Amino acid sequence: MNPLMTGLNETLLPEQLIKVRQTPVGIAGLGGLGSNVAWHLVRSGFLRLVLADFDRVEASNLNRQVYFPDQLGLLKTEALAENLLRINPDLDLKLWPVLVTPDNVQTIFGQCPIWVEGFDRTASKKMFVEEGLTAGKKVVGASGLAGWGDTDTIRTMHWGSGLSVVGDFCTDVAKDQPPFSPRVGVVAAKQANLVLAWVLNEGCDQQ
């Protein structure tokens, strides 16, 4: 057994670890949110991830995304997979270096009971959430994470439809409110924590 899983065997009950290892999670958008969510999930024992993003790693990504200077120009799917496999070489990763659209979203993520939204654009967020809920998935999104300052304003809202959204719900990315690692990271960590709570069926309405 690899070192990560050895350590997790000391942290989770056997039945909990089985749930985490067996549950596939889909992540759409591998920027500041998606790449960090994947990072947290892998360190929590998740093995089966479906990762989708058409973009490539740019210098402007390095202040908040899980990439490194020597990966500039690589597809984000390829670069993130490389980094995640360094944490756990036993991962089962499905990589989709494509633009996620209404025509392919179910093909890409249909196998996953949990969908994580990490898009920048409102239209893409809306499409992904609607498609996920229509298919009966649990969906966690984000709204309001730019700038810096009081992270206590970041909270999670839940809807009975199966949707949860993390953020401060007001701070959009703008020239005077750029995205930075601390607040983006807090939102991504809360998204990942909610996924873990859903899978373990523990306090998921209070995350």
C-alpha atoms as a PDB file:
ATOM      1  CA  MET A   1       0.000   0.000   0.000  1.00  0.00           C
ATOM      2  CA  ASN A   2       1.311   3.481  -0.833  1.00  0.00           C
ATOM      3  CA  PRO A   3       2.196   5.878   2.010  1.00  0.00           C
ATOM      4  CA  LEU A   4      -0.884   8.088   1.584  1.00  0.00           C
ATOM      5  CA  MET A   5      -3.270   5.187   1.948  1.00  0.00           C
ATOM      6  CA  THR A   6      -1.279   3.812   4.871  1.00  0.00           C
ATOM      7  CA  GLY A   7      -1.768   7.118   6.654  1.00  0.00           C
ATOM      8  CA  LEU A   8      -5.451   7.304   5.772  1.00  0.00           C
ATOM      9  CA  ASN A   9      -5.945   3.818   7.211  1.00  0.00           C
ATOM     10  CA  GLU A  10      -5.012   5.373  10.531  1.00  0.00           C
ATOM     11  CA  THR A  11      -7.420   8.287  10.001  1.00  0.00           C
ATOM     12  CA  LEU A  12     -10.618   6.787   8.571  1.00  0.00           C
ATOM     13  CA  LEU A  13     -12.589   3.721   9.522  1.00  0.00           C
ATOM     14  CA  PRO A  14     -12.329   0.899   6.950  1.00  0.00           C
ATOM     15  CA  GLU A  15     -15.925   1.389   5.805  1.00  0.00           C
ATOM     16  CA  GLN A  16     -15.351   5.140   5.426  1.00  0.00           C
ATOM     17  CA  LEU A  17     -12.239   4.632   3.358  1.00  0.00           C
ATOM     18  CA  ILE A  18     -14.092   2.202   1.094  1.00  0.00           C
ATOM     19  CA  LYS A  19     -16.771   4.836   0.424  1.00  0.00           C
ATOM     20  CA  VAL A  20     -14.180   7.486  -0.359  1.00  0.00           C
ATOM     21  CA  ARG A  21     -12.129   5.202  -2.600  1.00  0.00           C
ATOM     22  CA  GLN A  22     -15.132   3.961  -4.568  1.00  0.00           C
ATOM     23  CA  THR A  23     -17.036   7.223  -5.167  1.00  0.00           C
ATOM     24  CA  PRO A  24     -16.276   8.922  -8.503  1.00  0.00           C
ATOM     25  CA  VAL A  25     -16.314  12.725  -8.403  1.00  0.00           C
ATOM     26  CA  GLY A  26     -16.527  14.975 -11.456  1.00  0.00           C
ATOM     27  CA  ILE A  27     -14.744  18.336 -11.528  1.00  0.00           C
ATOM     28  CA  ALA A  28     -15.494  20.803 -14.317  1.00  0.00           C
ATOM     29  CA  GLY A  29     -12.942  23.595 -14.649  1.00  0.00           C
ATOM     30  CA  LEU A  30      -9.425  23.010 -13.341  1.00  0.00           C
ATOM     31  CA  GLY A  31      -8.481  26.535 -12.327  1.00  0.00           C
ATOM     32  CA  GLY A  32      -8.220  27.984  -8.836  1.00  0.00           C
ATOM     33  CA  LEU A  33     -11.251  26.062  -7.627  1.00  0.00           C
ATOM     34  CA  GLY A  34     -11.112  22.791  -9.507  1.00  0.00           C
ATOM     35  CA  SER A  35      -7.390  22.140  -9.198  1.00  0.00           C
ATOM     36  CA  ASN A  36      -7.447  22.808  -5.454  1.00  0.00           C
ATOM     37  CA  VAL A  37     -10.589  20.736  -4.911  1.00  0.00           C
ATOM     38  CA  ALA A  38      -8.927  17.821  -6.688  1.00  0.00           C
ATOM     39  CA  TRP A  39      -5.794  18.301  -4.558  1.00  0.00           C
ATOM     40  CA  HIS A  40      -7.839  18.124  -1.343  1.00  0.00           C
ATOM     41  CA  LEU A  41      -9.926  15.162  -2.487  1.00  0.00           C
ATOM     42  CA  VAL A  42      -6.911  13.082  -3.438  1.00  0.00           C
ATOM     43  CA  ARG A  43      -5.305  13.782  -0.058  1.00  0.00           C
ATOM     44  CA  SER A  44      -8.605  12.660   1.524  1.00  0.00           C
ATOM     45  CA  GLY A  45      -8.399   9.279  -0.186  1.00  0.00           C
ATOM     46  CA  PHE A  46     -10.527   9.756  -3.301  1.00  0.00           C
ATOM     47  CA  LEU A  47      -9.213   7.645  -6.167  1.00  0.00           C
ATOM     48  CA  ARG A  48     -11.735   8.122  -8.972  1.00  0.00           C
ATOM     49  CA  LEU A  49     -11.846  11.611 -10.453  1.00  0.00           C
ATOM     50  CA  VAL A  50     -13.195  12.851 -13.774  1.00  0.00           C
ATOM     51  CA  LEU A  51     -11.383  16.066 -14.716  1.00  0.00           C
ATOM     52  CA  ALA A  52     -12.452  18.371 -17.541  1.00  0.00           C
ATOM     53  CA  ASP A  53     -10.925  21.607 -18.849  1.00  0.00           C
ATOM     54  CA  PHE A  54      -9.918  22.700 -22.351  1.00  0.00           C
ATOM     55  CA  ASP A  55      -7.398  25.309 -21.155  1.00  0.00           C
ATOM     56  CA  ARG A  56      -3.611  25.316 -20.810  1.00  0.00           C
ATOM     57  CA  VAL A  57      -1.477  26.433 -17.872  1.00  0.00           C
ATOM     58  CA  GLU A  58      -0.500  30.122 -18.034  1.00  0.00           C
ATOM     59  CA  ALA A  59       1.758  32.265 -15.866  1.00  0.00           C
ATOM     60  CA  SER A  60      -1.271  34.116 -14.483  1.00  0.00           C
ATOM     61  CA  ASN A  61      -2.560  30.818 -13.050  1.00  0.00           C
ATOM     62  CA  LEU A  62       0.376  30.176 -10.764  1.00  0.00           C
ATOM     63  CA  ASN A  63      -0.748  32.518  -7.956  1.00  0.00           C
ATOM     64  CA  ARG A  64      -3.688  30.285  -7.000  1.00  0.00           C
ATOM     65  CA  GLN A  65      -3.783  27.063  -9.017  1.00  0.00           C
ATOM     66  CA  VAL A  66      -2.062  23.719  -8.410  1.00  0.00           C
ATOM     67  CA  TYR A  67       0.492  24.028 -11.216  1.00  0.00           C
ATOM     68  CA  PHE A  68       4.205  24.784 -11.469  1.00  0.00           C
ATOM     69  CA  PRO A  69       6.389  26.962 -13.728  1.00  0.00           C
ATOM     70  CA  ASP A  70       7.755  23.994 -15.665  1.00  0.00           C
ATOM     71  CA  GLN A  71       4.165  23.101 -16.650  1.00  0.00           C
ATOM     72  CA  LEU A  72       3.443  26.335 -18.519  1.00  0.00           C
ATOM     73  CA  GLY A  73       1.770  25.565 -21.834  1.00  0.00           C
ATOM     74  CA  LEU A  74       0.596  22.103 -20.829  1.00  0.00           C
ATOM     75  CA  LEU A  75      -3.061  21.184 -20.902  1.00  0.00           C
ATOM     76  CA  LYS A  76      -4.475  21.635 -17.420  1.00  0.00           C
ATOM     77  CA  THR A  77      -5.873  18.106 -17.470  1.00  0.00           C
ATOM     78  CA  GLU A  78      -2.398  16.723 -18.205  1.00  0.00           C
ATOM     79  CA  ALA A  79      -0.575  18.941 -15.715  1.00  0.00           C
ATOM     80  CA  LEU A  80      -3.040  18.368 -12.880  1.00  0.00           C
ATOM     81  CA  ALA A  81      -3.015  14.619 -13.430  1.00  0.00           C
ATOM     82  CA  GLU A  82       0.775  14.666 -13.213  1.00  0.00           C
ATOM     83  CA  ASN A  83       0.657  16.525  -9.903  1.00  0.00           C
ATOM     84  CA  LEU A  84      -2.107  14.418  -8.389  1.00  0.00           C
ATOM     85  CA  LEU A  85      -0.351  11.187  -9.303  1.00  0.00           C
ATOM     86  CA  ARG A  86       2.647  12.353  -7.306  1.00  0.00           C
ATOM     87  CA  ILE A  87       0.388  12.325  -4.238  1.00  0.00           C
ATOM     88  CA  ASN A  88      -1.162   8.961  -5.037  1.00  0.00           C
ATOM     89  CA  PRO A  89       0.088   6.895  -8.001  1.00  0.00           C
ATOM     90  CA  ASP A  90      -2.919   4.575  -7.719  1.00  0.00           C
ATOM     91  CA  LEU A  91      -5.469   7.132  -8.919  1.00  0.00           C
ATOM     92  CA  ASP A  92      -8.074   6.325 -11.555  1.00  0.00           C
ATOM     93  CA  LEU A  93      -8.281   9.589 -13.508  1.00  0.00           C
ATOM     94  CA  LYS A  94     -10.497  10.248 -16.515  1.00  0.00           C
ATOM     95  CA  LEU A  95      -9.203  13.293 -18.386  1.00  0.00           C
ATOM     96  CA  TRP A  96     -11.309  15.376 -20.761  1.00  0.00           C
ATOM     97  CA  PRO A  97      -9.299  18.218 -22.378  1.00  0.00           C
ATOM     98  CA  VAL A  98     -12.437  19.699 -23.923  1.00  0.00           C
ATOM     99  CA  LEU A  99     -14.862  22.572 -23.486  1.00  0.00           C
ATOM    100  CA  VAL A 100     -17.754  21.329 -21.350  1.00  0.00           C
ATOM    101  CA  THR A 101     -21.058  22.017 -23.114  1.00  0.00           C
ATOM    102  CA  PRO A 102     -24.701  20.904 -22.814  1.00  0.00           C
ATOM    103  CA  ASP A 103     -23.963  18.400 -25.588  1.00  0.00           C
ATOM    104  CA  ASN A 104     -21.166  16.560 -23.772  1.00  0.00           C
ATOM    105  CA  VAL A 105     -21.601  17.224 -20.051  1.00  0.00           C
ATOM    106  CA  GLN A 106     -23.625  14.067 -19.386  1.00  0.00           C
ATOM    107  CA  THR A 107     -21.199  11.940 -21.389  1.00  0.00           C
ATOM    108  CA  ILE A 108     -18.282  13.317 -19.379  1.00  0.00           C
ATOM    109  CA  PHE A 109     -19.762  13.303 -15.881  1.00  0.00           C
ATOM    110  CA  GLY A 110     -22.732  10.933 -16.049  1.00  0.00           C
ATOM    111  CA  GLN A 111     -20.922   8.233 -14.053  1.00  0.00           C
ATOM    112  CA  CYS A 112     -20.303  10.608 -11.133  1.00  0.00           C
ATOM    113  CA  PRO A 113     -22.893  11.042  -8.356  1.00  0.00           C
ATOM    114  CA  ILE A 114     -21.176  14.279  -7.252  1.00  0.00           C
ATOM    115  CA  TRP A 115     -20.305  17.178  -9.558  1.00  0.00           C
ATOM    116  CA  VAL A 116     -17.989  20.053  -8.615  1.00  0.00           C
ATOM    117  CA  GLU A 117     -18.323  23.352 -10.491  1.00  0.00           C
ATOM    118  CA  GLY A 118     -15.124  25.344 -10.962  1.00  0.00           C
ATOM    119  CA  PHE A 119     -15.963  27.608 -13.885  1.00  0.00           C
ATOM    120  CA  ASP A 120     -15.219  31.317 -14.275  1.00  0.00           C
ATOM    121  CA  ARG A 121     -18.162  32.232 -16.499  1.00  0.00           C
ATOM    122  CA  THR A 122     -21.702  32.567 -15.176  1.00  0.00           C
ATOM    123  CA  ALA A 123     -23.242  30.904 -18.232  1.00  0.00           C
ATOM    124  CA  SER A 124     -21.060  27.827 -17.808  1.00  0.00           C
ATOM    125  CA  LYS A 125     -21.862  27.664 -14.092  1.00  0.00           C
ATOM    126  CA  LYS A 126     -25.595  27.844 -14.800  1.00  0.00           C
ATOM    127  CA  MET A 127     -25.458  25.178 -17.501  1.00  0.00           C
ATOM    128  CA  PHE A 128     -23.433  22.791 -15.361  1.00  0.00           C
ATOM    129  CA  VAL A 129     -25.652  23.164 -12.302  1.00  0.00           C
ATOM    130  CA  GLU A 130     -28.863  22.736 -14.297  1.00  0.00           C
ATOM    131  CA  GLU A 131     -27.544  19.672 -16.109  1.00  0.00           C
ATOM    132  CA  GLY A 132     -26.327  18.111 -12.891  1.00  0.00           C
ATOM    133  CA  LEU A 133     -29.543  18.667 -10.975  1.00  0.00           C
ATOM    134  CA  THR A 134     -31.635  17.436 -13.893  1.00  0.00           C
ATOM    135  CA  ALA A 135     -29.622  14.214 -13.808  1.00  0.00           C
ATOM    136  CA  GLY A 136     -30.181  13.851 -10.054  1.00  0.00           C
ATOM    137  CA  LYS A 137     -26.605  14.620  -9.046  1.00  0.00           C
ATOM    138  CA  LYS A 138     -25.296  16.368  -5.954  1.00  0.00           C
ATOM    139  CA  VAL A 139     -23.692  19.598  -7.192  1.00  0.00           C
ATOM    140  CA  VAL A 140     -21.405  22.002  -5.342  1.00  0.00           C
ATOM    141  CA  GLY A 141     -20.675  25.354  -6.936  1.00  0.00           C
ATOM    142  CA  ALA A 142     -19.065  28.655  -5.991  1.00  0.00           C
ATOM    143  CA  SER A 143     -20.035  32.327  -6.064  1.00  0.00           C
ATOM    144  CA  GLY A 144     -17.988  35.228  -4.696  1.00  0.00           C
ATOM    145  CA  LEU A 145     -14.329  34.513  -3.938  1.00  0.00           C
ATOM    146  CA  ALA A 146     -12.247  37.378  -5.320  1.00  0.00           C
ATOM    147  CA  GLY A 147      -9.841  39.711  -3.567  1.00  0.00           C
ATOM    148  CA  TRP A 148      -8.623  39.382  -0.007  1.00  0.00           C
ATOM    149  CA  GLY A 149      -9.846  40.257   3.460  1.00  0.00           C
ATOM    150  CA  ASP A 150     -12.316  38.667   5.842  1.00  0.00           C
ATOM    151  CA  THR A 151     -12.749  35.011   4.938  1.00  0.00           C
ATOM    152  CA  ASP A 152     -15.480  34.667   7.568  1.00  0.00           C
ATOM    153  CA  THR A 153     -17.880  36.082   4.966  1.00  0.00           C
ATOM    154  CA  ILE A 154     -17.442  32.868   2.962  1.00  0.00           C
ATOM    155  CA  ARG A 155     -20.305  30.516   3.740  1.00  0.00           C
ATOM    156  CA  THR A 156     -22.196  27.592   2.237  1.00  0.00           C
ATOM    157  CA  MET A 157     -25.818  27.700   1.136  1.00  0.00           C
ATOM    158  CA  HIS A 158     -27.840  24.523   0.527  1.00  0.00           C
ATOM    159  CA  TRP A 159     -30.946  23.895  -1.568  1.00  0.00           C
ATOM    160  CA  GLY A 160     -33.203  20.876  -1.376  1.00  0.00           C
ATOM    161  CA  SER A 161     -32.616  20.223  -5.055  1.00  0.00           C
ATOM    162  CA  GLY A 162     -29.171  18.831  -4.282  1.00  0.00           C
ATOM    163  CA  LEU A 163     -27.259  22.047  -4.913  1.00  0.00           C
ATOM    164  CA  SER A 164     -24.823  23.682  -2.494  1.00  0.00           C
ATOM    165  CA  VAL A 165     -22.875  26.852  -3.254  1.00  0.00           C
ATOM    166  CA  VAL A 166     -19.816  28.209  -1.423  1.00  0.00           C
ATOM    167  CA  GLY A 167     -18.706  31.855  -1.401  1.00  0.00           C
ATOM    168  CA  ASP A 168     -19.560  35.292  -0.117  1.00  0.00           C
ATOM    169  CA  PHE A 169     -22.146  35.684  -2.918  1.00  0.00           C
ATOM    170  CA  CYS A 170     -21.106  39.249  -3.740  1.00  0.00           C
ATOM    171  CA  THR A 171     -17.377  39.603  -4.540  1.00  0.00           C
ATOM    172  CA  ASP A 172     -16.943  39.129  -8.281  1.00  0.00           C
ATOM    173  CA  VAL A 173     -13.543  39.035  -9.923  1.00  0.00           C
ATOM    174  CA  ALA A 174     -12.641  42.511 -11.191  1.00  0.00           C
ATOM    175  CA  LYS A 175      -9.556  44.632 -11.867  1.00  0.00           C
ATOM    176  CA  ASP A 176      -9.544  45.902  -8.280  1.00  0.00           C
ATOM    177  CA  GLN A 177     -10.623  42.484  -6.906  1.00  0.00           C
ATOM    178  CA  PRO A 178      -8.390  39.864  -8.552  1.00  0.00           C
ATOM    179  CA  PRO A 179      -8.464  36.226  -7.505  1.00  0.00           C
ATOM    180  CA  PHE A 180      -5.775  35.302  -4.960  1.00  0.00           C
ATOM    181  CA  SER A 181      -4.787  32.014  -3.413  1.00  0.00           C
ATOM    182  CA  PRO A 182      -6.080  32.545   0.167  1.00  0.00           C
ATOM    183  CA  ARG A 183      -9.770  33.253  -0.573  1.00  0.00           C
ATOM    184  CA  VAL A 184      -9.912  30.993  -3.614  1.00  0.00           C
ATOM    185  CA  GLY A 185      -8.297  28.289  -1.509  1.00  0.00           C
ATOM    186  CA  VAL A 186     -10.819  28.700   1.305  1.00  0.00           C
ATOM    187  CA  VAL A 187     -13.716  28.264  -1.128  1.00  0.00           C
ATOM    188  CA  ALA A 188     -12.097  25.236  -2.777  1.00  0.00           C
ATOM    189  CA  ALA A 189     -11.375  23.650   0.609  1.00  0.00           C
ATOM    190  CA  LYS A 190     -15.002  24.112   1.670  1.00  0.00           C
ATOM    191  CA  GLN A 191     -16.171  22.583  -1.608  1.00  0.00           C
ATOM    192  CA  ALA A 192     -13.920  19.564  -1.077  1.00  0.00           C
ATOM    193  CA  ASN A 193     -14.967  19.274   2.552  1.00  0.00           C
ATOM    194  CA  LEU A 194     -18.617  19.214   1.513  1.00  0.00           C
ATOM    195  CA  VAL A 195     -17.919  16.434  -0.992  1.00  0.00           C
ATOM    196  CA  LEU A 196     -16.230  14.431   1.764  1.00  0.00           C
ATOM    197  CA  ALA A 197     -19.178  15.036   4.111  1.00  0.00           C
ATOM    198  CA  TRP A 198     -21.668  13.936   1.459  1.00  0.00           C
ATOM    199  CA  VAL A 199     -19.780  10.711   0.835  1.00  0.00           C
ATOM    200  CA  LEU A 200     -19.418   9.941   4.543  1.00  0.00           C
ATOM    201  CA  ASN A 201     -23.036  11.033   5.232  1.00  0.00           C
ATOM    202  CA  GLU A 202     -21.934  13.138   8.140  1.00  0.00           C
ATOM    203  CA  GLY A 203     -23.371  16.575   8.869  1.00  0.00           C
ATOM    204  CA  CYS A 204     -23.680  17.508   5.214  1.00  0.00           C
ATOM    205  CA  ASP A 205     -26.281  20.188   5.908  1.00  0.00           C
ATOM    206  CA  GLN A 206     -23.984  22.008   8.312  1.00  0.00           C
ATOM    207  CA  GLN A 207     -20.792  22.312   6.251  1.00  0.00           C
END
